N, C-alpha and C. Protein backbone atom coordinates (compact mmCIF):
# COMPACT_ATOMS: atom_id res chain seq x y z
N MET A 1 -49.35 -5.43 -28.13
CA MET A 1 -48.06 -5.90 -28.60
C MET A 1 -47.42 -4.80 -29.44
N ALA A 2 -46.11 -4.66 -29.32
CA ALA A 2 -45.38 -3.60 -30.02
C ALA A 2 -45.35 -3.85 -31.53
N GLN A 3 -45.30 -2.76 -32.28
CA GLN A 3 -45.26 -2.84 -33.74
C GLN A 3 -44.01 -2.14 -34.25
N GLU A 4 -43.60 -2.55 -35.44
CA GLU A 4 -42.50 -1.91 -36.14
C GLU A 4 -42.94 -1.72 -37.59
N GLN A 5 -42.45 -0.70 -38.23
CA GLN A 5 -42.79 -0.45 -39.62
C GLN A 5 -41.88 -1.24 -40.54
N CYS A 6 -42.42 -1.70 -41.63
CA CYS A 6 -41.67 -2.35 -42.70
C CYS A 6 -41.51 -1.30 -43.79
N TYR A 7 -40.27 -0.99 -44.15
CA TYR A 7 -39.99 0.10 -45.08
C TYR A 7 -39.42 -0.40 -46.39
N THR A 8 -39.54 0.42 -47.41
CA THR A 8 -38.77 0.25 -48.63
C THR A 8 -37.95 1.52 -48.81
N GLU A 9 -36.79 1.37 -49.39
CA GLU A 9 -35.96 2.54 -49.69
C GLU A 9 -36.17 2.91 -51.14
N GLU A 10 -36.47 4.14 -51.39
CA GLU A 10 -36.62 4.61 -52.75
C GLU A 10 -35.37 5.38 -53.14
N ARG A 11 -35.20 5.60 -54.41
CA ARG A 11 -34.01 6.33 -54.87
C ARG A 11 -33.90 7.66 -54.13
N GLY A 12 -32.70 8.03 -53.81
CA GLY A 12 -32.49 9.26 -53.06
C GLY A 12 -32.60 9.05 -51.56
N ALA A 13 -32.61 7.80 -51.10
CA ALA A 13 -32.64 7.44 -49.68
C ALA A 13 -33.93 7.84 -48.99
N ARG A 14 -34.98 8.12 -49.75
CA ARG A 14 -36.28 8.38 -49.13
C ARG A 14 -36.84 7.05 -48.67
N ARG A 15 -37.46 7.02 -47.51
CA ARG A 15 -38.06 5.80 -47.00
C ARG A 15 -39.57 5.91 -47.06
N LYS A 16 -40.18 4.80 -47.43
CA LYS A 16 -41.64 4.76 -47.53
C LYS A 16 -42.13 3.61 -46.64
N ALA A 17 -42.98 3.92 -45.66
CA ALA A 17 -43.54 2.89 -44.79
C ALA A 17 -44.56 2.09 -45.59
N LEU A 18 -44.44 0.76 -45.54
CA LEU A 18 -45.36 -0.10 -46.28
C LEU A 18 -46.41 -0.73 -45.37
N ALA A 19 -46.00 -1.23 -44.22
CA ALA A 19 -46.93 -1.92 -43.34
C ALA A 19 -46.34 -1.99 -41.94
N ALA A 20 -47.21 -2.08 -40.95
CA ALA A 20 -46.77 -2.29 -39.57
C ALA A 20 -46.78 -3.79 -39.30
N VAL A 21 -45.70 -4.30 -38.73
CA VAL A 21 -45.62 -5.71 -38.38
C VAL A 21 -45.53 -5.82 -36.86
N LEU A 22 -46.08 -6.89 -36.31
CA LEU A 22 -46.04 -7.09 -34.87
C LEU A 22 -44.70 -7.72 -34.48
N ILE A 23 -44.04 -7.13 -33.50
CA ILE A 23 -42.79 -7.67 -33.01
C ILE A 23 -43.08 -8.97 -32.28
N GLY A 24 -42.34 -10.02 -32.62
CA GLY A 24 -42.53 -11.30 -31.97
C GLY A 24 -43.52 -12.22 -32.68
N LYS A 25 -44.09 -11.78 -33.79
CA LYS A 25 -45.03 -12.60 -34.56
C LYS A 25 -44.43 -12.93 -35.92
N TRP A 26 -44.65 -14.14 -36.40
CA TRP A 26 -44.19 -14.54 -37.72
C TRP A 26 -45.00 -13.86 -38.80
N PHE A 27 -44.35 -13.54 -39.89
CA PHE A 27 -45.05 -13.07 -41.07
C PHE A 27 -44.25 -13.52 -42.28
N ARG A 28 -44.93 -13.56 -43.42
CA ARG A 28 -44.31 -14.07 -44.65
C ARG A 28 -43.92 -12.91 -45.55
N VAL A 29 -42.74 -13.02 -46.14
CA VAL A 29 -42.24 -12.03 -47.09
C VAL A 29 -41.93 -12.76 -48.40
N LYS A 30 -42.45 -12.24 -49.50
CA LYS A 30 -42.13 -12.79 -50.81
C LYS A 30 -41.63 -11.64 -51.68
N ILE A 31 -40.44 -11.83 -52.24
CA ILE A 31 -39.84 -10.83 -53.12
C ILE A 31 -39.64 -11.47 -54.48
N THR A 32 -40.12 -10.81 -55.51
CA THR A 32 -39.95 -11.30 -56.88
C THR A 32 -39.28 -10.20 -57.68
N CYS A 33 -38.17 -10.55 -58.32
CA CYS A 33 -37.50 -9.57 -59.18
C CYS A 33 -36.90 -10.28 -60.38
N SER A 34 -36.76 -9.54 -61.44
CA SER A 34 -36.14 -10.11 -62.63
C SER A 34 -34.65 -9.82 -62.60
N LEU A 35 -33.87 -10.75 -63.15
CA LEU A 35 -32.42 -10.60 -63.21
C LEU A 35 -31.97 -10.82 -64.64
N GLY A 36 -30.77 -10.40 -64.95
CA GLY A 36 -30.23 -10.60 -66.29
C GLY A 36 -30.37 -9.38 -67.17
N LYS A 37 -30.04 -9.56 -68.42
CA LYS A 37 -30.03 -8.45 -69.38
C LYS A 37 -31.39 -7.79 -69.55
N GLU A 38 -32.45 -8.55 -69.44
CA GLU A 38 -33.81 -8.03 -69.68
C GLU A 38 -34.51 -7.59 -68.40
N SER A 39 -33.77 -7.48 -67.29
CA SER A 39 -34.41 -7.16 -66.02
C SER A 39 -34.88 -5.71 -65.97
N THR A 40 -35.84 -5.47 -65.12
CA THR A 40 -36.34 -4.11 -64.88
C THR A 40 -35.78 -3.65 -63.54
N PRO A 41 -35.67 -2.36 -63.31
CA PRO A 41 -35.10 -1.88 -62.05
C PRO A 41 -36.12 -1.83 -60.91
N THR A 42 -37.00 -2.84 -60.85
CA THR A 42 -38.03 -2.88 -59.81
C THR A 42 -38.16 -4.31 -59.27
N TYR A 43 -38.88 -4.41 -58.16
CA TYR A 43 -39.22 -5.72 -57.59
C TYR A 43 -40.63 -5.65 -57.03
N ASP A 44 -41.24 -6.81 -56.87
CA ASP A 44 -42.57 -6.90 -56.25
C ASP A 44 -42.40 -7.49 -54.86
N LEU A 45 -43.11 -6.93 -53.90
CA LEU A 45 -43.05 -7.38 -52.52
C LEU A 45 -44.45 -7.77 -52.07
N THR A 46 -44.57 -8.94 -51.45
CA THR A 46 -45.83 -9.37 -50.86
C THR A 46 -45.58 -9.65 -49.39
N LEU A 47 -46.35 -9.00 -48.50
CA LEU A 47 -46.28 -9.24 -47.07
C LEU A 47 -47.56 -9.92 -46.64
N THR A 48 -47.43 -11.03 -45.93
CA THR A 48 -48.60 -11.72 -45.39
C THR A 48 -48.46 -11.73 -43.87
N LEU A 49 -49.31 -10.96 -43.22
CA LEU A 49 -49.29 -10.83 -41.77
C LEU A 49 -50.32 -11.77 -41.15
N PRO A 50 -50.14 -12.16 -39.89
CA PRO A 50 -51.08 -13.09 -39.26
C PRO A 50 -52.52 -12.58 -39.32
N ALA A 51 -53.42 -13.47 -39.73
CA ALA A 51 -54.87 -13.21 -39.78
C ALA A 51 -55.24 -12.02 -40.67
N GLN A 52 -54.41 -11.73 -41.67
CA GLN A 52 -54.71 -10.64 -42.60
C GLN A 52 -54.51 -11.14 -44.03
N ARG A 53 -55.14 -10.46 -44.96
CA ARG A 53 -54.89 -10.74 -46.37
C ARG A 53 -53.50 -10.25 -46.75
N SER A 54 -52.94 -10.88 -47.75
CA SER A 54 -51.63 -10.47 -48.24
C SER A 54 -51.69 -9.04 -48.77
N LYS A 55 -50.64 -8.28 -48.52
CA LYS A 55 -50.51 -6.93 -49.05
C LYS A 55 -49.45 -6.98 -50.14
N VAL A 56 -49.81 -6.58 -51.33
CA VAL A 56 -48.90 -6.64 -52.48
C VAL A 56 -48.45 -5.22 -52.83
N PHE A 57 -47.13 -5.07 -52.99
CA PHE A 57 -46.53 -3.79 -53.35
C PHE A 57 -45.77 -4.01 -54.65
N PRO A 58 -46.40 -3.75 -55.79
CA PRO A 58 -45.75 -4.02 -57.08
C PRO A 58 -44.79 -2.91 -57.49
N ARG A 59 -43.81 -3.29 -58.28
CA ARG A 59 -42.88 -2.37 -58.94
C ARG A 59 -42.21 -1.37 -57.99
N LEU A 60 -41.72 -1.87 -56.87
CA LEU A 60 -40.93 -1.02 -55.98
C LEU A 60 -39.55 -0.83 -56.61
N PRO A 61 -38.97 0.35 -56.51
CA PRO A 61 -37.69 0.58 -57.19
C PRO A 61 -36.53 -0.10 -56.48
N ASN A 62 -35.67 -0.74 -57.26
CA ASN A 62 -34.42 -1.28 -56.71
C ASN A 62 -33.57 -0.12 -56.24
N ARG A 63 -32.70 -0.39 -55.30
CA ARG A 63 -31.80 0.67 -54.83
C ARG A 63 -30.89 1.16 -55.95
N SER A 64 -30.51 0.24 -56.85
CA SER A 64 -29.68 0.60 -57.98
C SER A 64 -30.35 0.15 -59.27
N ALA A 65 -30.42 1.01 -60.24
CA ALA A 65 -30.98 0.65 -61.55
C ALA A 65 -30.09 -0.35 -62.28
N GLN A 66 -28.84 -0.50 -61.84
CA GLN A 66 -27.90 -1.43 -62.47
C GLN A 66 -27.97 -2.84 -61.87
N PHE A 67 -28.89 -3.08 -60.94
CA PHE A 67 -29.00 -4.41 -60.32
C PHE A 67 -29.55 -5.41 -61.34
N THR A 68 -28.68 -6.34 -61.76
CA THR A 68 -29.10 -7.36 -62.72
C THR A 68 -28.67 -8.76 -62.29
N ARG A 69 -27.82 -8.84 -61.25
CA ARG A 69 -27.34 -10.14 -60.77
C ARG A 69 -27.32 -10.15 -59.24
N LEU A 70 -27.65 -11.29 -58.66
CA LEU A 70 -27.62 -11.43 -57.21
C LEU A 70 -26.29 -12.07 -56.81
N HIS A 71 -25.47 -11.30 -56.09
CA HIS A 71 -24.18 -11.79 -55.64
C HIS A 71 -24.19 -12.11 -54.15
N TRP A 72 -25.10 -11.51 -53.41
CA TRP A 72 -25.11 -11.63 -51.96
C TRP A 72 -26.53 -11.40 -51.47
N LEU A 73 -26.93 -12.15 -50.47
CA LEU A 73 -28.24 -11.98 -49.84
C LEU A 73 -28.02 -11.89 -48.34
N GLY A 74 -28.48 -10.85 -47.70
CA GLY A 74 -28.28 -10.68 -46.27
C GLY A 74 -29.48 -10.04 -45.62
N PHE A 75 -29.51 -10.09 -44.31
CA PHE A 75 -30.61 -9.51 -43.54
C PHE A 75 -29.97 -8.54 -42.55
N LEU A 76 -30.38 -7.29 -42.62
CA LEU A 76 -29.75 -6.23 -41.83
C LEU A 76 -30.78 -5.50 -40.99
N SER A 77 -30.31 -4.98 -39.89
CA SER A 77 -31.13 -4.12 -39.05
C SER A 77 -30.45 -2.77 -38.96
N PHE A 78 -31.22 -1.71 -39.04
CA PHE A 78 -30.69 -0.37 -38.87
C PHE A 78 -31.10 0.19 -37.50
N ALA A 79 -31.42 -0.71 -36.57
CA ALA A 79 -31.83 -0.32 -35.22
C ALA A 79 -30.65 0.29 -34.46
N ASN A 80 -30.97 1.07 -33.46
CA ASN A 80 -29.95 1.65 -32.59
C ASN A 80 -29.71 0.78 -31.36
N ALA A 81 -30.33 -0.40 -31.32
CA ALA A 81 -30.19 -1.33 -30.20
C ALA A 81 -30.04 -2.74 -30.76
N LYS A 82 -29.81 -3.72 -29.89
CA LYS A 82 -29.70 -5.10 -30.33
C LYS A 82 -30.97 -5.52 -31.05
N ALA A 83 -30.80 -6.31 -32.10
CA ALA A 83 -31.95 -6.80 -32.86
C ALA A 83 -31.73 -8.28 -33.17
N ILE A 84 -32.81 -9.02 -33.24
CA ILE A 84 -32.76 -10.45 -33.55
C ILE A 84 -33.71 -10.73 -34.68
N PHE A 85 -33.25 -11.53 -35.66
CA PHE A 85 -34.10 -12.01 -36.74
C PHE A 85 -34.27 -13.51 -36.57
N TYR A 86 -35.47 -14.00 -36.70
CA TYR A 86 -35.72 -15.43 -36.79
C TYR A 86 -36.19 -15.69 -38.21
N ILE A 87 -35.40 -16.42 -38.97
CA ILE A 87 -35.67 -16.63 -40.39
C ILE A 87 -35.86 -18.12 -40.63
N ASP A 88 -36.88 -18.46 -41.41
CA ASP A 88 -37.20 -19.85 -41.65
C ASP A 88 -37.64 -20.01 -43.11
N ASN A 89 -37.36 -21.15 -43.69
CA ASN A 89 -37.87 -21.53 -45.01
C ASN A 89 -37.49 -20.56 -46.12
N ILE A 90 -36.22 -20.25 -46.26
CA ILE A 90 -35.75 -19.40 -47.35
C ILE A 90 -35.65 -20.23 -48.62
N ARG A 91 -36.20 -19.71 -49.71
CA ARG A 91 -36.08 -20.37 -51.01
C ARG A 91 -35.66 -19.34 -52.04
N LEU A 92 -34.61 -19.63 -52.77
CA LEU A 92 -34.18 -18.83 -53.92
C LEU A 92 -34.38 -19.69 -55.12
N MET A 93 -35.17 -19.22 -56.07
CA MET A 93 -35.44 -20.04 -57.24
C MET A 93 -35.82 -19.18 -58.42
N PRO A 94 -35.51 -19.65 -59.60
CA PRO A 94 -35.92 -18.90 -60.80
C PRO A 94 -37.42 -19.04 -61.02
N THR A 95 -38.01 -18.00 -61.54
CA THR A 95 -39.42 -18.06 -61.95
C THR A 95 -39.47 -17.80 -63.45
N ARG A 96 -40.46 -18.32 -64.06
CA ARG A 96 -40.60 -18.14 -65.51
C ARG A 96 -41.89 -17.44 -65.82
C-alpha cells in the first residue's frame, strides 16, 4: 500500500518529516496548543497509526510566534494532483 509523509513546517519554511502514513487508512491526529496571553509558540502533535503505538512530537514550532488566537481551522493539501481528505470526529475544546 502506498505511503505519504506527514510533515511539520519549521520556521524558515524548512520541512521535517515526522512519520509515514498509509494512503487509504485511518489514523488519529491530536494537536494540543496553548492560546492567549500566556501561550508558547509551540504545539504538541500525537499521531496514532493503525496497529502502532502513538508517536508524540512535543514542542513543534508554530509557523508564527505571534499565534495566540484561533480564527480559522482548515485542512489543506499541497499536492500537485487531486487530493481527498476524509475527516471524522473533530473536537475543539479547551484543556486545563
